[in-house]
PDB file of N, CA and C in Angstrom:
ATOM      1  N   MET A   1      19.512   4.969  24.418  1.00  0.00           N
ATOM      2  CA  MET A   1      18.818   5.288  23.183  1.00  0.00           C
ATOM      3  C   MET A   1      17.338   5.477  23.496  1.00  0.00           C
ATOM      4  N   ASN A   2      16.732   6.423  22.816  1.00  0.00           N
ATOM      5  CA  ASN A   2      15.313   6.698  23.005  1.00  0.00           C
ATOM      6  C   ASN A   2      14.678   6.935  21.639  1.00  0.00           C
ATOM      7  N   LEU A   3      13.581   6.248  21.375  1.00  0.00           N
ATOM      8  CA  LEU A   3      12.814   6.443  20.154  1.00  0.00           C
ATOM      9  C   LEU A   3      11.409   6.856  20.558  1.00  0.00           C
ATOM     10  N   ASN A   4      10.941   7.983  20.033  1.00  0.00           N
ATOM     11  CA  ASN A   4       9.639   8.507  20.400  1.00  0.00           C
ATOM     12  C   ASN A   4       8.797   8.708  19.141  1.00  0.00           C
ATOM     13  N   TYR A   5       7.569   8.227  19.178  1.00  0.00           N
ATOM     14  CA  TYR A   5       6.622   8.416  18.080  1.00  0.00           C
ATOM     15  C   TYR A   5       5.285   8.792  18.690  1.00  0.00           C
ATOM     16  N   TRP A   6       4.638   9.806  18.135  1.00  0.00           N
ATOM     17  CA  TRP A   6       3.291  10.125  18.598  1.00  0.00           C
ATOM     18  C   TRP A   6       2.378  10.354  17.391  1.00  0.00           C
ATOM     19  N   TYR A   7       1.109  10.126  17.642  1.00  0.00           N
ATOM     20  CA  TYR A   7       0.081  10.254  16.610  1.00  0.00           C
ATOM     21  C   TYR A   7      -1.099  10.998  17.215  1.00  0.00           C
ATOM     22  N   SER A   8      -1.559  12.019  16.532  1.00  0.00           N
ATOM     23  CA  SER A   8      -2.730  12.780  16.949  1.00  0.00           C
ATOM     24  C   SER A   8      -3.843  12.490  15.944  1.00  0.00           C
ATOM     25  N   PHE A   9      -4.932  11.942  16.408  1.00  0.00           N
ATOM     26  CA  PHE A   9      -6.037  11.558  15.542  1.00  0.00           C
ATOM     27  C   PHE A   9      -6.726  12.773  14.932  1.00  0.00           C
ATOM     28  N   GLN A  10      -7.385  12.549  13.814  1.00  0.00           N
ATOM     29  CA  GLN A  10      -8.218  13.571  13.211  1.00  0.00           C
ATOM     30  C   GLN A  10      -9.277  13.964  14.233  1.00  0.00           C
ATOM     31  N   ARG A  11      -9.567  15.268  14.345  1.00  0.00           N
ATOM     32  CA  ARG A  11     -10.477  15.704  15.402  1.00  0.00           C
ATOM     33  C   ARG A  11     -11.188  16.988  14.991  1.00  0.00           C
ATOM     34  N   ILE A  12     -12.199  17.322  15.746  1.00  0.00           N
ATOM     35  CA  ILE A  12     -12.902  18.587  15.574  1.00  0.00           C
ATOM     36  C   ILE A  12     -12.526  19.476  16.750  1.00  0.00           C
ATOM     37  N   ASP A  13     -12.064  20.681  16.424  1.00  0.00           N
ATOM     38  CA  ASP A  13     -11.627  21.642  17.428  1.00  0.00           C
ATOM     39  C   ASP A  13     -12.386  22.947  17.180  1.00  0.00           C
ATOM     40  N   GLY A  14     -13.485  23.132  17.897  1.00  0.00           N
ATOM     41  CA  GLY A  14     -14.319  24.310  17.680  1.00  0.00           C
ATOM     42  C   GLY A  14     -15.001  24.223  16.325  1.00  0.00           C
ATOM     43  N   ILE A  15     -14.717  25.182  15.454  1.00  0.00           N
ATOM     44  CA  ILE A  15     -15.317  25.171  14.116  1.00  0.00           C
ATOM     45  C   ILE A  15     -14.414  24.480  13.091  1.00  0.00           C
ATOM     46  N   TYR A  16     -13.236  24.004  13.500  1.00  0.00           N
ATOM     47  CA  TYR A  16     -12.267  23.413  12.584  1.00  0.00           C
ATOM     48  C   TYR A  16     -12.249  21.894  12.682  1.00  0.00           C
ATOM     49  N   GLU A  17     -12.137  21.259  11.535  1.00  0.00           N
ATOM     50  CA  GLU A  17     -11.915  19.817  11.481  1.00  0.00           C
ATOM     51  C   GLU A  17     -10.444  19.632  11.131  1.00  0.00           C
ATOM     52  N   ASN A  18      -9.642  19.234  12.116  1.00  0.00           N
ATOM     53  CA  ASN A  18      -8.199  19.107  11.935  1.00  0.00           C
ATOM     54  C   ASN A  18      -7.830  17.701  11.514  1.00  0.00           C
ATOM     55  N   GLY A  19      -6.832  17.603  10.644  1.00  0.00           N
ATOM     56  CA  GLY A  19      -6.347  16.312  10.181  1.00  0.00           C
ATOM     57  C   GLY A  19      -5.434  15.656  11.198  1.00  0.00           C
ATOM     58  N   ALA A  20      -5.093  14.414  10.939  1.00  0.00           N
ATOM     59  CA  ALA A  20      -4.183  13.664  11.816  1.00  0.00           C
ATOM     60  C   ALA A  20      -2.759  14.212  11.679  1.00  0.00           C
ATOM     61  N   MET A  21      -1.962  14.035  12.731  1.00  0.00           N
ATOM     62  CA  MET A  21      -0.575  14.487  12.756  1.00  0.00           C
ATOM     63  C   MET A  21       0.282  13.412  13.396  1.00  0.00           C
ATOM     64  N   THR A  22       1.529  13.307  12.970  1.00  0.00           N
ATOM     65  CA  THR A  22       2.478  12.384  13.588  1.00  0.00           C
ATOM     66  C   THR A  22       3.833  13.051  13.727  1.00  0.00           C
ATOM     67  N   SER A  23       4.679  12.461  14.560  1.00  0.00           N
ATOM     68  CA  SER A  23       6.054  12.929  14.683  1.00  0.00           C
ATOM     69  C   SER A  23       6.911  11.794  15.229  1.00  0.00           C
ATOM     70  N   THR A  24       8.147  11.718  14.746  1.00  0.00           N
ATOM     71  CA  THR A  24       9.097  10.709  15.198  1.00  0.00           C
ATOM     72  C   THR A  24      10.381  11.414  15.624  1.00  0.00           C
ATOM     73  N   SER A  25      10.881  11.048  16.786  1.00  0.00           N
ATOM     74  CA  SER A  25      12.124  11.611  17.307  1.00  0.00           C
ATOM     75  C   SER A  25      13.009  10.475  17.804  1.00  0.00           C
ATOM     76  N   ILE A  26      14.307  10.715  17.790  1.00  0.00           N
ATOM     77  CA  ILE A  26      15.249   9.732  18.299  1.00  0.00           C
ATOM     78  C   ILE A  26      16.370  10.463  19.033  1.00  0.00           C
ATOM     79  N   SER A  27      16.878   9.854  20.088  1.00  0.00           N
ATOM     80  CA  SER A  27      18.035  10.418  20.787  1.00  0.00           C
ATOM     81  C   SER A  27      18.945   9.278  21.238  1.00  0.00           C
ATOM     82  N   ILE A  28      20.229   9.570  21.210  1.00  0.00           N
ATOM     83  CA  ILE A  28      21.248   8.617  21.642  1.00  0.00           C
ATOM     84  C   ILE A  28      22.170   9.361  22.595  1.00  0.00           C
ATOM     85  N   GLN A  29      22.512   8.728  23.695  1.00  0.00           N
ATOM     86  CA  GLN A  29      23.402   9.354  24.669  1.00  0.00           C
ATOM     87  C   GLN A  29      24.512   8.373  25.029  1.00  0.00           C
ATOM     88  N   TYR A  30      25.730   8.882  25.087  1.00  0.00           N
ATOM     89  CA  TYR A  30      26.891   8.068  25.436  1.00  0.00           C
ATOM     90  C   TYR A  30      27.563   8.689  26.649  1.00  0.00           C
ATOM     91  N   LEU A  31      27.780   7.893  27.670  1.00  0.00           N
ATOM     92  CA  LEU A  31      28.458   8.343  28.887  1.00  0.00           C
ATOM     93  C   LEU A  31      29.886   7.827  28.834  1.00  0.00           C
ATOM     94  N   LEU A  32      30.845   8.742  28.851  1.00  0.00           N
ATOM     95  CA  LEU A  32      32.256   8.340  28.797  1.00  0.00           C
ATOM     96  C   LEU A  32      32.617   7.506  30.024  1.00  0.00           C
ATOM     97  N   PRO A  33      33.602   6.612  29.891  1.00  0.00           N
ATOM     98  CA  PRO A  33      33.940   5.698  30.987  1.00  0.00           C
ATOM     99  C   PRO A  33      34.226   6.375  32.328  1.00  0.00           C
ATOM    100  N   ASP A  34      34.837   7.550  32.323  1.00  0.00           N
ATOM    101  CA  ASP A  34      35.117   8.218  33.608  1.00  0.00           C
ATOM    102  C   ASP A  34      33.906   8.997  34.128  1.00  0.00           C
ATOM    103  N   LYS A  35      32.785   8.965  33.385  1.00  0.00           N
ATOM    104  CA  LYS A  35      31.499   9.561  33.770  1.00  0.00           C
ATOM    105  C   LYS A  35      31.561  11.076  33.979  1.00  0.00           C
ATOM    106  N   ASP A  36      32.545  11.726  33.362  1.00  0.00           N
ATOM    107  CA  ASP A  36      32.661  13.179  33.469  1.00  0.00           C
ATOM    108  C   ASP A  36      31.982  13.911  32.316  1.00  0.00           C
ATOM    109  N   LEU A  37      31.658  13.172  31.261  1.00  0.00           N
ATOM    110  CA  LEU A  37      31.117  13.818  30.083  1.00  0.00           C
ATOM    111  C   LEU A  37      30.087  12.926  29.404  1.00  0.00           C
ATOM    112  N   LYS A  38      28.976  13.538  29.016  1.00  0.00           N
ATOM    113  CA  LYS A  38      27.940  12.839  28.253  1.00  0.00           C
ATOM    114  C   LYS A  38      27.932  13.419  26.839  1.00  0.00           C
ATOM    115  N   ILE A  39      27.815  12.556  25.862  1.00  0.00           N
ATOM    116  CA  ILE A  39      27.695  12.984  24.478  1.00  0.00           C
ATOM    117  C   ILE A  39      26.302  12.569  24.014  1.00  0.00           C
ATOM    118  N   SER A  40      25.523  13.545  23.554  1.00  0.00           N
ATOM    119  CA  SER A  40      24.136  13.283  23.157  1.00  0.00           C
ATOM    120  C   SER A  40      23.909  13.712  21.713  1.00  0.00           C
ATOM    121  N   LEU A  41      23.056  12.960  21.043  1.00  0.00           N
ATOM    122  CA  LEU A  41      22.660  13.273  19.689  1.00  0.00           C
ATOM    123  C   LEU A  41      21.149  13.087  19.616  1.00  0.00           C
ATOM    124  N   LYS A  42      20.435  14.116  19.110  1.00  0.00           N
ATOM    125  CA  LYS A  42      18.982  14.061  19.100  1.00  0.00           C
ATOM    126  C   LYS A  42      18.457  14.588  17.774  1.00  0.00           C
ATOM    127  N   GLY A  43      17.433  13.939  17.252  1.00  0.00           N
ATOM    128  CA  GLY A  43      16.766  14.394  16.038  1.00  0.00           C
ATOM    129  C   GLY A  43      15.268  14.443  16.275  1.00  0.00           C
ATOM    130  N   ASP A  44      14.625  15.544  15.897  1.00  0.00           N
ATOM    131  CA  ASP A  44      13.185  15.727  16.084  1.00  0.00           C
ATOM    132  C   ASP A  44      12.479  15.819  14.739  1.00  0.00           C
ATOM    133  N   ASP A  45      11.249  15.318  14.684  1.00  0.00           N
ATOM    134  CA  ASP A  45      10.399  15.337  13.486  1.00  0.00           C
ATOM    135  C   ASP A  45      11.181  14.849  12.267  1.00  0.00           C
ATOM    136  N   LEU A  46      11.744  13.663  12.380  1.00  0.00           N
ATOM    137  CA  LEU A  46      12.659  13.128  11.376  1.00  0.00           C
ATOM    138  C   LEU A  46      12.061  13.045   9.974  1.00  0.00           C
ATOM    139  N   PHE A  47      10.784  12.769   9.856  1.00  0.00           N
ATOM    140  CA  PHE A  47      10.169  12.562   8.557  1.00  0.00           C
ATOM    141  C   PHE A  47       9.312  13.737   8.093  1.00  0.00           C
ATOM    142  N   ARG A  48       9.435  14.861   8.768  1.00  0.00           N
ATOM    143  CA  ARG A  48       8.711  16.104   8.444  1.00  0.00           C
ATOM    144  C   ARG A  48       7.205  15.882   8.342  1.00  0.00           C
ATOM    145  N   THR A  49       6.657  15.225   9.349  1.00  0.00           N
ATOM    146  CA  THR A  49       5.235  14.888   9.347  1.00  0.00           C
ATOM    147  C   THR A  49       4.431  15.681  10.372  1.00  0.00           C
ATOM    148  N   GLU A  50       5.072  16.562  11.101  1.00  0.00           N
ATOM    149  CA  GLU A  50       4.358  17.353  12.109  1.00  0.00           C
ATOM    150  C   GLU A  50       3.725  18.576  11.439  1.00  0.00           C
ATOM    151  N   LYS A  51       2.701  18.315  10.646  1.00  0.00           N
ATOM    152  CA  LYS A  51       2.003  19.351   9.884  1.00  0.00           C
ATOM    153  C   LYS A  51       0.566  19.457  10.373  1.00  0.00           C
ATOM    154  N   ILE A  52       0.084  20.671  10.504  1.00  0.00           N
ATOM    155  CA  ILE A  52      -1.293  20.910  10.930  1.00  0.00           C
ATOM    156  C   ILE A  52      -2.113  21.189   9.679  1.00  0.00           C
ATOM    157  N   THR A  53      -3.154  20.407   9.461  1.00  0.00           N
ATOM    158  CA  THR A  53      -4.046  20.619   8.320  1.00  0.00           C
ATOM    159  C   THR A  53      -5.483  20.606   8.809  1.00  0.00           C
ATOM    160  N   GLY A  54      -6.350  21.252   8.086  1.00  0.00           N
ATOM    161  CA  GLY A  54      -7.752  21.246   8.487  1.00  0.00           C
ATOM    162  C   GLY A  54      -8.619  22.048   7.558  1.00  0.00           C
ATOM    163  N   ASN A  55      -9.887  22.086   7.911  1.00  0.00           N
ATOM    164  CA  ASN A  55     -10.848  22.861   7.131  1.00  0.00           C
ATOM    165  C   ASN A  55     -12.032  23.226   8.005  1.00  0.00           C
ATOM    166  N   SER A  56     -12.814  24.162   7.512  1.00  0.00           N
ATOM    167  CA  SER A  56     -14.038  24.565   8.211  1.00  0.00           C
ATOM    168  C   SER A  56     -14.980  25.203   7.208  1.00  0.00           C
ATOM    169  N   VAL A  57     -16.232  25.284   7.581  1.00  0.00           N
ATOM    170  CA  VAL A  57     -17.232  25.996   6.786  1.00  0.00           C
ATOM    171  C   VAL A  57     -17.906  26.987   7.731  1.00  0.00           C
ATOM    172  N   VAL A  58     -17.784  28.272   7.420  1.00  0.00           N
ATOM    173  CA  VAL A  58     -18.374  29.328   8.245  1.00  0.00           C
ATOM    174  C   VAL A  58     -19.212  30.215   7.333  1.00  0.00           C
ATOM    175  N   ASN A  59     -20.489  30.348   7.646  1.00  0.00           N
ATOM    176  CA  ASN A  59     -21.417  31.152   6.838  1.00  0.00           C
ATOM    177  C   ASN A  59     -21.368  30.764   5.356  1.00  0.00           C
ATOM    178  N   GLY A  60     -21.245  29.455   5.109  1.00  0.00           N
ATOM    179  CA  GLY A  60     -21.223  28.970   3.738  1.00  0.00           C
ATOM    180  C   GLY A  60     -19.899  29.127   3.025  1.00  0.00           C
ATOM    181  N   ILE A  61     -18.882  29.626   3.712  1.00  0.00           N
ATOM    182  CA  ILE A  61     -17.565  29.827   3.096  1.00  0.00           C
ATOM    183  C   ILE A  61     -16.633  28.713   3.569  1.00  0.00           C
ATOM    184  N   TYR A  62     -16.095  27.971   2.623  1.00  0.00           N
ATOM    185  CA  TYR A  62     -15.202  26.852   2.917  1.00  0.00           C
ATOM    186  C   TYR A  62     -13.779  27.367   3.089  1.00  0.00           C
ATOM    187  N   GLN A  63     -13.129  26.965   4.175  1.00  0.00           N
ATOM    188  CA  GLN A  63     -11.740  27.345   4.439  1.00  0.00           C
ATOM    189  C   GLN A  63     -10.916  26.072   4.572  1.00  0.00           C
ATOM    190  N   ASN A  64      -9.772  26.047   3.918  1.00  0.00           N
ATOM    191  CA  ASN A  64      -8.861  24.926   3.994  1.00  0.00           C
ATOM    192  C   ASN A  64      -7.494  25.485   4.372  1.00  0.00           C
ATOM    193  N   PHE A  65      -6.807  24.865   5.319  1.00  0.00           N
ATOM    194  CA  PHE A  65      -5.522  25.407   5.754  1.00  0.00           C
ATOM    195  C   PHE A  65      -4.513  24.293   6.019  1.00  0.00           C
ATOM    196  N   GLY A  66      -3.266  24.680   5.981  1.00  0.00           N
ATOM    197  CA  GLY A  66      -2.171  23.789   6.324  1.00  0.00           C
ATOM    198  C   GLY A  66      -1.011  24.609   6.860  1.00  0.00           C
ATOM    199  N   TYR A  67      -0.451  24.173   7.965  1.00  0.00           N
ATOM    200  CA  TYR A  67       0.678  24.865   8.591  1.00  0.00           C
ATOM    201  C   TYR A  67       1.809  23.879   8.815  1.00  0.00           C
ATOM    202  N   TYR A  68       3.012  24.339   8.588  1.00  0.00           N
ATOM    203  CA  TYR A  68       4.189  23.561   8.947  1.00  0.00           C
ATOM    204  C   TYR A  68       5.213  24.528   9.508  1.00  0.00           C
ATOM    205  N   TYR A  69       5.560  24.346  10.776  1.00  0.00           N
ATOM    206  CA  TYR A  69       6.460  25.288  11.452  1.00  0.00           C
ATOM    207  C   TYR A  69       7.913  24.846  11.413  1.00  0.00           C
ATOM    208  N   ASP A  70       8.240  23.855  10.572  1.00  0.00           N
ATOM    209  CA  ASP A  70       9.601  23.343  10.414  1.00  0.00           C
ATOM    210  C   ASP A  70      10.236  23.039  11.765  1.00  0.00           C
ATOM    211  N   THR A  71       9.690  22.051  12.437  1.00  0.00           N
ATOM    212  CA  THR A  71      10.183  21.651  13.747  1.00  0.00           C
ATOM    213  C   THR A  71      11.296  20.616  13.652  1.00  0.00           C
ATOM    214  N   GLN A  72      11.756  20.338  12.434  1.00  0.00           N
ATOM    215  CA  GLN A  72      12.856  19.385  12.280  1.00  0.00           C
ATOM    216  C   GLN A  72      14.120  19.976  12.895  1.00  0.00           C
ATOM    217  N   SER A  73      14.838  19.133  13.596  1.00  0.00           N
ATOM    218  CA  SER A  73      16.120  19.572  14.150  1.00  0.00           C
ATOM    219  C   SER A  73      17.009  18.357  14.361  1.00  0.00           C
ATOM    220  N   PHE A  74      18.288  18.591  14.470  1.00  0.00           N
ATOM    221  CA  PHE A  74      19.248  17.520  14.694  1.00  0.00           C
ATOM    222  C   PHE A  74      20.342  18.057  15.585  1.00  0.00           C
TER     223      PHE A  74
END
């Protein structure tokens, strides 16, 4: 069994101030007794939190953005 969690802190990237991001993944693997076959089950971005958000001000114009690429999978 494997449980993975990561957190990306709020940061400044060039002219953009990006918000924090997180993601949680889990995987389970079962090896059959004769060791000829592995059965695996994996889930990524379980809580749909891998979203990119941010803002910037360029020439007095405020920009706000949010992206979600639907990285959830099972």
